[in-house]
Amino acid sequence: MSVQLQTKSLVGLLQQAIDEQLYYLPEKQIQIVLELPVPDVLVKTDAGRFLQIMSNLLSNAKKFSPANSEIKIETEILAGFAKVSIADQGPGIADSFIPLLFSQFRQQDDSISREYGGTGLGLSICKQLTELMGGDIGYQKSEDGGATFWFTTVLAVFKNEG
């Protein structure tokens, strides 16, 4: 896999990622809410790969969320990085499966009759891409159920106001 780093608007990338999800599982009527407590920043990333990571994390969140629920995207600035978190209201991840989350061909429900499709490669690819671009990716258990996946991307600069 290769990446070509460019300076891009974080908010612009997040909005594009949300827009691309409008046609995925529309019957579930899941709202995606973008919460931006920080001003827009410029990040050093490969826009196509960033959107690939967001697409995987958002489509997983929609797939596992109940109908008429909400997915929250939050951002925060860390030392040299922008952190993006995607929180859903689905069933969450079993504690025993957390160490395997980013392994290839692994799914929490790997039975033949599992309810959700997929190859078990998405999170592994997200991890590889995030690391190629100088960031990190992880999972944190939500206090009220659901799953929260996060990743970091290298911070370039704050955009000039005005």
N, C-alpha and C. Protein backbone atom coordinates (compact mmCIF):
# COMPACT_ATOMS: atom_id res chain seq x y z
N MET A 1 0.84 -1.18 0.00
CA MET A 1 0.00 0.00 0.00
C MET A 1 0.89 1.24 0.00
N SER A 2 0.45 2.24 -0.69
CA SER A 2 1.22 3.48 -0.72
C SER A 2 0.33 4.64 -0.31
N VAL A 3 0.97 5.69 0.16
CA VAL A 3 0.25 6.91 0.53
C VAL A 3 1.00 8.10 -0.06
N GLN A 4 0.25 9.14 -0.36
CA GLN A 4 0.82 10.40 -0.83
C GLN A 4 0.28 11.50 0.07
N LEU A 5 1.11 11.97 0.98
CA LEU A 5 0.68 12.94 1.97
C LEU A 5 0.52 14.33 1.36
N GLN A 6 -0.58 14.97 1.74
CA GLN A 6 -0.89 16.33 1.31
C GLN A 6 -1.48 17.06 2.52
N THR A 7 -1.53 18.36 2.45
CA THR A 7 -2.15 19.15 3.50
C THR A 7 -3.61 19.36 3.13
N LYS A 8 -4.52 18.94 4.03
CA LYS A 8 -5.96 19.00 3.76
C LYS A 8 -6.71 19.52 4.97
N SER A 9 -7.88 20.07 4.75
CA SER A 9 -8.77 20.52 5.82
C SER A 9 -9.41 19.31 6.48
N LEU A 10 -9.27 19.21 7.80
CA LEU A 10 -9.87 18.08 8.53
C LEU A 10 -11.39 18.12 8.40
N VAL A 11 -12.00 19.27 8.60
CA VAL A 11 -13.45 19.37 8.51
C VAL A 11 -13.94 19.00 7.11
N GLY A 12 -13.23 19.45 6.09
CA GLY A 12 -13.62 19.11 4.72
C GLY A 12 -13.59 17.61 4.48
N LEU A 13 -12.56 16.94 4.97
CA LEU A 13 -12.47 15.49 4.82
C LEU A 13 -13.58 14.78 5.59
N LEU A 14 -13.85 15.23 6.81
CA LEU A 14 -14.90 14.59 7.61
C LEU A 14 -16.27 14.77 6.96
N GLN A 15 -16.54 15.96 6.45
CA GLN A 15 -17.83 16.20 5.80
C GLN A 15 -17.97 15.34 4.55
N GLN A 16 -16.89 15.19 3.78
CA GLN A 16 -16.92 14.34 2.59
C GLN A 16 -17.19 12.88 2.99
N ALA A 17 -16.57 12.44 4.06
CA ALA A 17 -16.78 11.06 4.54
C ALA A 17 -18.24 10.85 4.94
N ILE A 18 -18.82 11.82 5.60
CA ILE A 18 -20.24 11.72 5.99
C ILE A 18 -21.12 11.68 4.76
N ASP A 19 -20.85 12.57 3.81
CA ASP A 19 -21.66 12.62 2.58
C ASP A 19 -21.63 11.30 1.83
N GLU A 20 -20.48 10.62 1.85
CA GLU A 20 -20.35 9.34 1.14
C GLU A 20 -21.16 8.23 1.81
N GLN A 21 -21.55 8.41 3.05
CA GLN A 21 -22.32 7.39 3.78
C GLN A 21 -23.83 7.54 3.62
N LEU A 22 -24.28 8.60 2.95
CA LEU A 22 -25.71 8.86 2.85
C LEU A 22 -26.49 7.72 2.20
N TYR A 23 -25.84 6.97 1.33
CA TYR A 23 -26.55 5.93 0.58
C TYR A 23 -26.29 4.53 1.12
N TYR A 24 -25.57 4.42 2.23
CA TYR A 24 -25.28 3.13 2.83
C TYR A 24 -26.27 2.86 3.94
N LEU A 25 -27.06 1.82 3.81
CA LEU A 25 -28.09 1.43 4.77
C LEU A 25 -29.07 2.55 5.10
N PRO A 26 -29.66 3.19 4.07
CA PRO A 26 -30.58 4.31 4.35
C PRO A 26 -31.84 3.87 5.12
N GLU A 27 -32.21 2.61 4.97
CA GLU A 27 -33.42 2.13 5.64
C GLU A 27 -33.30 2.14 7.17
N LYS A 28 -32.08 2.17 7.68
CA LYS A 28 -31.89 2.19 9.14
C LYS A 28 -32.06 3.59 9.73
N GLN A 29 -32.07 4.59 8.89
CA GLN A 29 -32.26 5.98 9.30
C GLN A 29 -31.36 6.37 10.48
N ILE A 30 -30.08 6.13 10.31
CA ILE A 30 -29.09 6.46 11.33
C ILE A 30 -28.52 7.83 11.02
N GLN A 31 -28.49 8.68 12.01
CA GLN A 31 -27.95 10.03 11.85
C GLN A 31 -26.46 10.02 12.20
N ILE A 32 -25.67 10.73 11.40
CA ILE A 32 -24.26 10.92 11.70
C ILE A 32 -24.09 12.37 12.13
N VAL A 33 -23.60 12.57 13.34
CA VAL A 33 -23.46 13.90 13.91
C VAL A 33 -21.97 14.23 14.03
N LEU A 34 -21.58 15.34 13.45
CA LEU A 34 -20.20 15.80 13.51
C LEU A 34 -20.09 16.87 14.59
N GLU A 35 -19.36 16.56 15.66
CA GLU A 35 -19.16 17.50 16.75
C GLU A 35 -17.75 18.06 16.65
N LEU A 36 -17.65 19.36 16.53
CA LEU A 36 -16.36 20.01 16.31
C LEU A 36 -16.07 21.04 17.40
N PRO A 37 -15.49 20.61 18.50
CA PRO A 37 -15.17 21.56 19.56
C PRO A 37 -13.92 22.40 19.27
N VAL A 38 -13.20 22.04 18.22
CA VAL A 38 -11.99 22.78 17.88
C VAL A 38 -12.18 23.46 16.53
N PRO A 39 -11.42 24.54 16.27
CA PRO A 39 -11.51 25.15 14.94
C PRO A 39 -10.96 24.18 13.89
N ASP A 40 -11.29 24.43 12.64
CA ASP A 40 -10.77 23.58 11.57
C ASP A 40 -9.25 23.65 11.57
N VAL A 41 -8.65 22.51 11.30
CA VAL A 41 -7.20 22.42 11.24
C VAL A 41 -6.81 21.78 9.91
N LEU A 42 -5.57 21.98 9.55
CA LEU A 42 -5.03 21.30 8.39
C LEU A 42 -4.24 20.10 8.87
N VAL A 43 -4.44 18.98 8.19
CA VAL A 43 -3.75 17.75 8.55
C VAL A 43 -2.91 17.29 7.37
N LYS A 44 -1.87 16.56 7.69
CA LYS A 44 -0.97 16.00 6.67
C LYS A 44 -1.41 14.55 6.47
N THR A 45 -2.10 14.28 5.37
CA THR A 45 -2.69 12.97 5.15
C THR A 45 -2.84 12.69 3.67
N ASP A 46 -3.11 11.47 3.33
CA ASP A 46 -3.50 11.08 1.98
C ASP A 46 -5.03 11.11 2.00
N ALA A 47 -5.62 12.04 1.29
CA ALA A 47 -7.06 12.24 1.35
C ALA A 47 -7.84 10.96 1.00
N GLY A 48 -7.42 10.27 -0.03
CA GLY A 48 -8.11 9.05 -0.44
C GLY A 48 -8.03 7.97 0.63
N ARG A 49 -6.87 7.84 1.25
CA ARG A 49 -6.70 6.83 2.31
C ARG A 49 -7.44 7.24 3.58
N PHE A 50 -7.44 8.53 3.90
CA PHE A 50 -8.21 9.04 5.04
C PHE A 50 -9.68 8.68 4.85
N LEU A 51 -10.20 8.94 3.65
CA LEU A 51 -11.61 8.64 3.36
C LEU A 51 -11.87 7.14 3.39
N GLN A 52 -10.90 6.33 3.00
CA GLN A 52 -11.04 4.87 3.07
C GLN A 52 -11.17 4.43 4.53
N ILE A 53 -10.36 5.00 5.42
CA ILE A 53 -10.45 4.68 6.84
C ILE A 53 -11.81 5.10 7.39
N MET A 54 -12.22 6.33 7.08
CA MET A 54 -13.51 6.83 7.56
C MET A 54 -14.66 5.98 7.02
N SER A 55 -14.59 5.61 5.76
CA SER A 55 -15.65 4.80 5.16
C SER A 55 -15.79 3.47 5.90
N ASN A 56 -14.67 2.83 6.19
CA ASN A 56 -14.73 1.56 6.89
C ASN A 56 -15.30 1.72 8.29
N LEU A 57 -14.81 2.71 9.04
CA LEU A 57 -15.27 2.89 10.41
C LEU A 57 -16.74 3.31 10.46
N LEU A 58 -17.14 4.19 9.55
CA LEU A 58 -18.55 4.62 9.53
C LEU A 58 -19.48 3.51 9.05
N SER A 59 -19.07 2.76 8.04
CA SER A 59 -19.95 1.68 7.55
C SER A 59 -20.07 0.58 8.61
N ASN A 60 -18.99 0.29 9.34
CA ASN A 60 -19.10 -0.66 10.46
C ASN A 60 -20.06 -0.13 11.52
N ALA A 61 -19.92 1.14 11.86
CA ALA A 61 -20.80 1.74 12.87
C ALA A 61 -22.26 1.65 12.43
N LYS A 62 -22.53 1.95 11.16
CA LYS A 62 -23.91 1.87 10.67
C LYS A 62 -24.41 0.42 10.65
N LYS A 63 -23.54 -0.48 10.24
CA LYS A 63 -23.91 -1.90 10.14
C LYS A 63 -24.34 -2.45 11.50
N PHE A 64 -23.62 -2.08 12.55
CA PHE A 64 -23.87 -2.66 13.87
C PHE A 64 -24.80 -1.83 14.75
N SER A 65 -25.20 -0.65 14.29
CA SER A 65 -26.08 0.22 15.08
C SER A 65 -27.54 -0.14 14.86
N PRO A 66 -28.36 0.05 15.89
CA PRO A 66 -29.80 -0.17 15.71
C PRO A 66 -30.40 0.95 14.85
N ALA A 67 -31.54 0.66 14.25
CA ALA A 67 -32.25 1.65 13.45
C ALA A 67 -32.57 2.87 14.31
N ASN A 68 -32.62 4.02 13.66
CA ASN A 68 -32.98 5.29 14.30
C ASN A 68 -32.04 5.68 15.43
N SER A 69 -30.78 5.31 15.32
CA SER A 69 -29.80 5.69 16.34
C SER A 69 -28.89 6.77 15.77
N GLU A 70 -27.83 7.06 16.51
CA GLU A 70 -26.94 8.15 16.14
C GLU A 70 -25.49 7.69 16.23
N ILE A 71 -24.70 8.14 15.28
CA ILE A 71 -23.26 7.94 15.29
C ILE A 71 -22.63 9.32 15.48
N LYS A 72 -21.72 9.43 16.45
CA LYS A 72 -21.07 10.71 16.71
C LYS A 72 -19.62 10.67 16.23
N ILE A 73 -19.24 11.70 15.51
CA ILE A 73 -17.84 11.89 15.14
C ILE A 73 -17.34 13.08 15.94
N GLU A 74 -16.30 12.86 16.72
CA GLU A 74 -15.72 13.92 17.52
C GLU A 74 -14.25 14.08 17.15
N THR A 75 -13.76 15.29 17.30
CA THR A 75 -12.35 15.56 17.03
C THR A 75 -11.72 16.25 18.23
N GLU A 76 -10.45 16.03 18.40
CA GLU A 76 -9.70 16.77 19.41
C GLU A 76 -8.26 16.91 18.93
N ILE A 77 -7.59 17.92 19.45
CA ILE A 77 -6.21 18.17 19.08
C ILE A 77 -5.31 17.65 20.20
N LEU A 78 -4.36 16.82 19.82
CA LEU A 78 -3.35 16.30 20.73
C LEU A 78 -2.01 16.87 20.30
N ALA A 79 -0.97 16.58 21.00
CA ALA A 79 0.36 17.10 20.65
C ALA A 79 0.78 16.61 19.27
N GLY A 80 0.63 17.47 18.28
CA GLY A 80 1.06 17.15 16.93
C GLY A 80 0.10 16.32 16.10
N PHE A 81 -1.06 16.01 16.66
CA PHE A 81 -2.03 15.15 15.97
C PHE A 81 -3.45 15.68 16.12
N ALA A 82 -4.30 15.31 15.17
CA ALA A 82 -5.74 15.48 15.31
C ALA A 82 -6.29 14.07 15.53
N LYS A 83 -7.14 13.93 16.55
CA LYS A 83 -7.75 12.63 16.85
C LYS A 83 -9.21 12.67 16.43
N VAL A 84 -9.62 11.66 15.66
CA VAL A 84 -10.99 11.52 15.20
C VAL A 84 -11.58 10.29 15.87
N SER A 85 -12.72 10.46 16.55
CA SER A 85 -13.41 9.34 17.22
C SER A 85 -14.77 9.14 16.60
N ILE A 86 -15.14 7.88 16.38
CA ILE A 86 -16.44 7.51 15.82
C ILE A 86 -17.12 6.61 16.84
N ALA A 87 -18.22 7.08 17.42
CA ALA A 87 -18.93 6.34 18.47
C ALA A 87 -20.31 5.95 17.97
N ASP A 88 -20.65 4.66 18.13
CA ASP A 88 -21.98 4.19 17.73
C ASP A 88 -22.76 3.72 18.95
N GLN A 89 -24.00 3.31 18.72
CA GLN A 89 -24.87 2.83 19.79
C GLN A 89 -25.20 1.35 19.61
N GLY A 90 -24.30 0.63 18.96
CA GLY A 90 -24.48 -0.80 18.71
C GLY A 90 -24.14 -1.63 19.94
N PRO A 91 -23.94 -2.93 19.74
CA PRO A 91 -23.70 -3.84 20.86
C PRO A 91 -22.30 -3.75 21.46
N GLY A 92 -21.37 -3.09 20.79
CA GLY A 92 -20.01 -3.00 21.31
C GLY A 92 -19.20 -4.25 21.00
N ILE A 93 -18.02 -4.33 21.57
CA ILE A 93 -17.09 -5.42 21.31
C ILE A 93 -16.90 -6.22 22.60
N ALA A 94 -16.95 -7.52 22.49
CA ALA A 94 -16.71 -8.38 23.65
C ALA A 94 -15.27 -8.20 24.12
N ASP A 95 -15.07 -8.14 25.44
CA ASP A 95 -13.73 -7.95 26.00
C ASP A 95 -12.73 -8.98 25.46
N SER A 96 -13.18 -10.20 25.28
CA SER A 96 -12.28 -11.26 24.82
C SER A 96 -11.82 -11.05 23.37
N PHE A 97 -12.57 -10.27 22.59
CA PHE A 97 -12.23 -10.06 21.18
C PHE A 97 -11.37 -8.81 20.96
N ILE A 98 -11.31 -7.91 21.92
CA ILE A 98 -10.60 -6.65 21.73
C ILE A 98 -9.15 -6.85 21.28
N PRO A 99 -8.38 -7.79 21.83
CA PRO A 99 -7.00 -7.96 21.36
C PRO A 99 -6.89 -8.39 19.89
N LEU A 100 -7.97 -8.91 19.31
CA LEU A 100 -7.95 -9.40 17.93
C LEU A 100 -8.54 -8.42 16.92
N LEU A 101 -9.02 -7.27 17.39
CA LEU A 101 -9.76 -6.34 16.55
C LEU A 101 -9.08 -5.99 15.23
N PHE A 102 -7.79 -5.75 15.27
CA PHE A 102 -7.09 -5.26 14.08
C PHE A 102 -6.32 -6.36 13.36
N SER A 103 -6.65 -7.62 13.65
CA SER A 103 -6.03 -8.76 12.99
C SER A 103 -6.76 -9.06 11.69
N GLN A 104 -6.04 -9.60 10.72
CA GLN A 104 -6.65 -9.95 9.44
C GLN A 104 -7.59 -11.15 9.59
N PHE A 105 -8.68 -11.10 8.84
CA PHE A 105 -9.65 -12.18 8.72
C PHE A 105 -10.28 -12.56 10.06
N ARG A 106 -10.38 -11.61 10.98
CA ARG A 106 -10.99 -11.87 12.28
C ARG A 106 -12.27 -11.07 12.39
N GLN A 107 -13.32 -11.74 12.86
CA GLN A 107 -14.59 -11.10 13.14
C GLN A 107 -15.08 -11.60 14.48
N GLN A 108 -15.77 -10.72 15.19
CA GLN A 108 -16.27 -11.11 16.50
C GLN A 108 -17.20 -12.32 16.38
N ASP A 109 -18.06 -12.31 15.39
CA ASP A 109 -18.93 -13.46 15.12
C ASP A 109 -18.43 -14.10 13.84
N ASP A 110 -17.65 -15.18 13.96
CA ASP A 110 -17.09 -15.80 12.76
C ASP A 110 -17.83 -17.07 12.36
N SER A 111 -19.05 -17.22 12.87
CA SER A 111 -19.84 -18.40 12.51
C SER A 111 -20.38 -18.26 11.08
N ILE A 112 -20.69 -19.36 10.47
CA ILE A 112 -21.21 -19.36 9.10
C ILE A 112 -22.55 -18.63 9.04
N SER A 113 -23.33 -18.69 10.10
CA SER A 113 -24.66 -18.09 10.11
C SER A 113 -24.65 -16.67 10.67
N ARG A 114 -23.48 -16.01 10.70
CA ARG A 114 -23.41 -14.68 11.31
C ARG A 114 -24.37 -13.71 10.62
N GLU A 115 -24.81 -12.75 11.40
CA GLU A 115 -25.81 -11.79 10.93
C GLU A 115 -25.22 -10.76 9.97
N TYR A 116 -23.95 -10.38 10.15
CA TYR A 116 -23.35 -9.31 9.37
C TYR A 116 -22.27 -9.87 8.46
N GLY A 117 -22.22 -9.33 7.24
CA GLY A 117 -21.23 -9.78 6.27
C GLY A 117 -19.90 -9.09 6.46
N GLY A 118 -18.95 -9.43 5.61
CA GLY A 118 -17.63 -8.81 5.63
C GLY A 118 -16.54 -9.86 5.60
N THR A 119 -15.33 -9.41 5.30
CA THR A 119 -14.21 -10.33 5.17
C THR A 119 -13.32 -10.38 6.41
N GLY A 120 -13.48 -9.42 7.30
CA GLY A 120 -12.58 -9.35 8.46
C GLY A 120 -11.27 -8.67 8.13
N LEU A 121 -11.22 -7.92 7.04
CA LEU A 121 -10.00 -7.22 6.65
C LEU A 121 -10.04 -5.71 6.91
N GLY A 122 -11.22 -5.15 7.04
CA GLY A 122 -11.37 -3.69 7.10
C GLY A 122 -10.56 -3.02 8.19
N LEU A 123 -10.64 -3.50 9.41
CA LEU A 123 -9.92 -2.86 10.51
C LEU A 123 -8.41 -3.06 10.38
N SER A 124 -8.00 -4.20 9.86
CA SER A 124 -6.58 -4.44 9.63
C SER A 124 -6.03 -3.47 8.60
N ILE A 125 -6.77 -3.24 7.53
CA ILE A 125 -6.36 -2.29 6.50
C ILE A 125 -6.33 -0.87 7.08
N CYS A 126 -7.32 -0.52 7.89
CA CYS A 126 -7.34 0.80 8.53
C CYS A 126 -6.09 1.00 9.38
N LYS A 127 -5.71 -0.02 10.11
CA LYS A 127 -4.51 0.07 10.96
C LYS A 127 -3.26 0.30 10.10
N GLN A 128 -3.12 -0.47 9.03
CA GLN A 128 -1.95 -0.33 8.16
C GLN A 128 -1.88 1.07 7.55
N LEU A 129 -3.02 1.56 7.06
CA LEU A 129 -3.05 2.88 6.43
C LEU A 129 -2.75 3.99 7.43
N THR A 130 -3.36 3.90 8.60
CA THR A 130 -3.13 4.92 9.62
C THR A 130 -1.66 4.98 9.99
N GLU A 131 -1.05 3.84 10.18
CA GLU A 131 0.37 3.80 10.55
C GLU A 131 1.27 4.30 9.41
N LEU A 132 0.92 3.97 8.16
CA LEU A 132 1.69 4.47 7.01
C LEU A 132 1.69 5.99 6.96
N MET A 133 0.60 6.60 7.43
CA MET A 133 0.48 8.06 7.40
C MET A 133 0.97 8.70 8.69
N GLY A 134 1.60 7.92 9.58
CA GLY A 134 2.19 8.47 10.79
C GLY A 134 1.27 8.57 11.98
N GLY A 135 0.09 7.95 11.91
CA GLY A 135 -0.87 8.01 13.00
C GLY A 135 -1.02 6.69 13.72
N ASP A 136 -2.06 6.62 14.53
CA ASP A 136 -2.35 5.43 15.32
C ASP A 136 -3.86 5.21 15.28
N ILE A 137 -4.30 4.02 15.63
CA ILE A 137 -5.72 3.69 15.63
C ILE A 137 -6.01 2.81 16.84
N GLY A 138 -7.21 2.90 17.35
CA GLY A 138 -7.55 2.08 18.50
C GLY A 138 -9.04 2.02 18.76
N TYR A 139 -9.37 1.35 19.84
CA TYR A 139 -10.75 1.14 20.27
C TYR A 139 -10.84 1.46 21.75
N GLN A 140 -11.93 2.08 22.14
CA GLN A 140 -12.19 2.26 23.56
C GLN A 140 -13.64 1.89 23.82
N LYS A 141 -13.84 1.22 24.91
CA LYS A 141 -15.17 0.78 25.29
C LYS A 141 -15.99 1.99 25.71
N SER A 142 -17.20 2.09 25.22
CA SER A 142 -18.09 3.18 25.60
C SER A 142 -18.77 2.84 26.92
N GLU A 143 -18.90 3.82 27.77
CA GLU A 143 -19.51 3.60 29.08
C GLU A 143 -20.96 3.16 28.98
N ASP A 144 -21.67 3.66 27.98
CA ASP A 144 -23.09 3.35 27.85
C ASP A 144 -23.37 2.34 26.73
N GLY A 145 -22.41 1.47 26.46
CA GLY A 145 -22.57 0.48 25.39
C GLY A 145 -22.09 1.08 24.08
N GLY A 146 -22.15 0.31 23.04
CA GLY A 146 -21.67 0.78 21.75
C GLY A 146 -20.17 0.65 21.64
N ALA A 147 -19.66 1.08 20.52
CA ALA A 147 -18.22 1.00 20.25
C ALA A 147 -17.72 2.38 19.87
N THR A 148 -16.51 2.70 20.27
CA THR A 148 -15.84 3.93 19.84
C THR A 148 -14.49 3.55 19.26
N PHE A 149 -14.33 3.81 17.98
CA PHE A 149 -13.05 3.64 17.31
C PHE A 149 -12.47 5.02 17.09
N TRP A 150 -11.15 5.13 17.18
CA TRP A 150 -10.49 6.41 16.99
C TRP A 150 -9.22 6.20 16.17
N PHE A 151 -8.80 7.28 15.52
CA PHE A 151 -7.51 7.27 14.85
C PHE A 151 -6.94 8.68 14.87
N THR A 152 -5.62 8.75 14.74
CA THR A 152 -4.97 10.05 14.71
C THR A 152 -4.35 10.29 13.34
N THR A 153 -4.26 11.55 13.00
CA THR A 153 -3.62 11.97 11.77
C THR A 153 -2.71 13.14 12.12
N VAL A 154 -1.62 13.27 11.40
CA VAL A 154 -0.62 14.28 11.72
C VAL A 154 -1.19 15.68 11.48
N LEU A 155 -1.01 16.52 12.47
CA LEU A 155 -1.49 17.89 12.40
C LEU A 155 -0.49 18.71 11.60
N ALA A 156 -0.98 19.50 10.64
CA ALA A 156 -0.10 20.38 9.87
C ALA A 156 -0.07 21.75 10.56
N VAL A 157 -1.18 22.50 10.47
CA VAL A 157 -1.28 23.82 11.11
C VAL A 157 -2.74 24.15 11.33
N PHE A 158 -3.00 25.12 12.20
CA PHE A 158 -4.37 25.65 12.31
C PHE A 158 -4.63 26.50 11.09
N LYS A 159 -5.84 26.44 10.57
CA LYS A 159 -6.19 27.32 9.46
C LYS A 159 -6.29 28.75 9.96
N ASN A 160 -5.94 29.68 9.13
CA ASN A 160 -6.06 31.09 9.50
C ASN A 160 -7.52 31.47 9.56
N GLU A 161 -7.89 32.16 10.60
CA GLU A 161 -9.26 32.65 10.72
C GLU A 161 -9.39 33.92 9.88
N GLY A 162 -10.58 34.07 9.25
CA GLY A 162 -10.87 35.31 8.51
C GLY A 162 -10.17 35.33 7.25
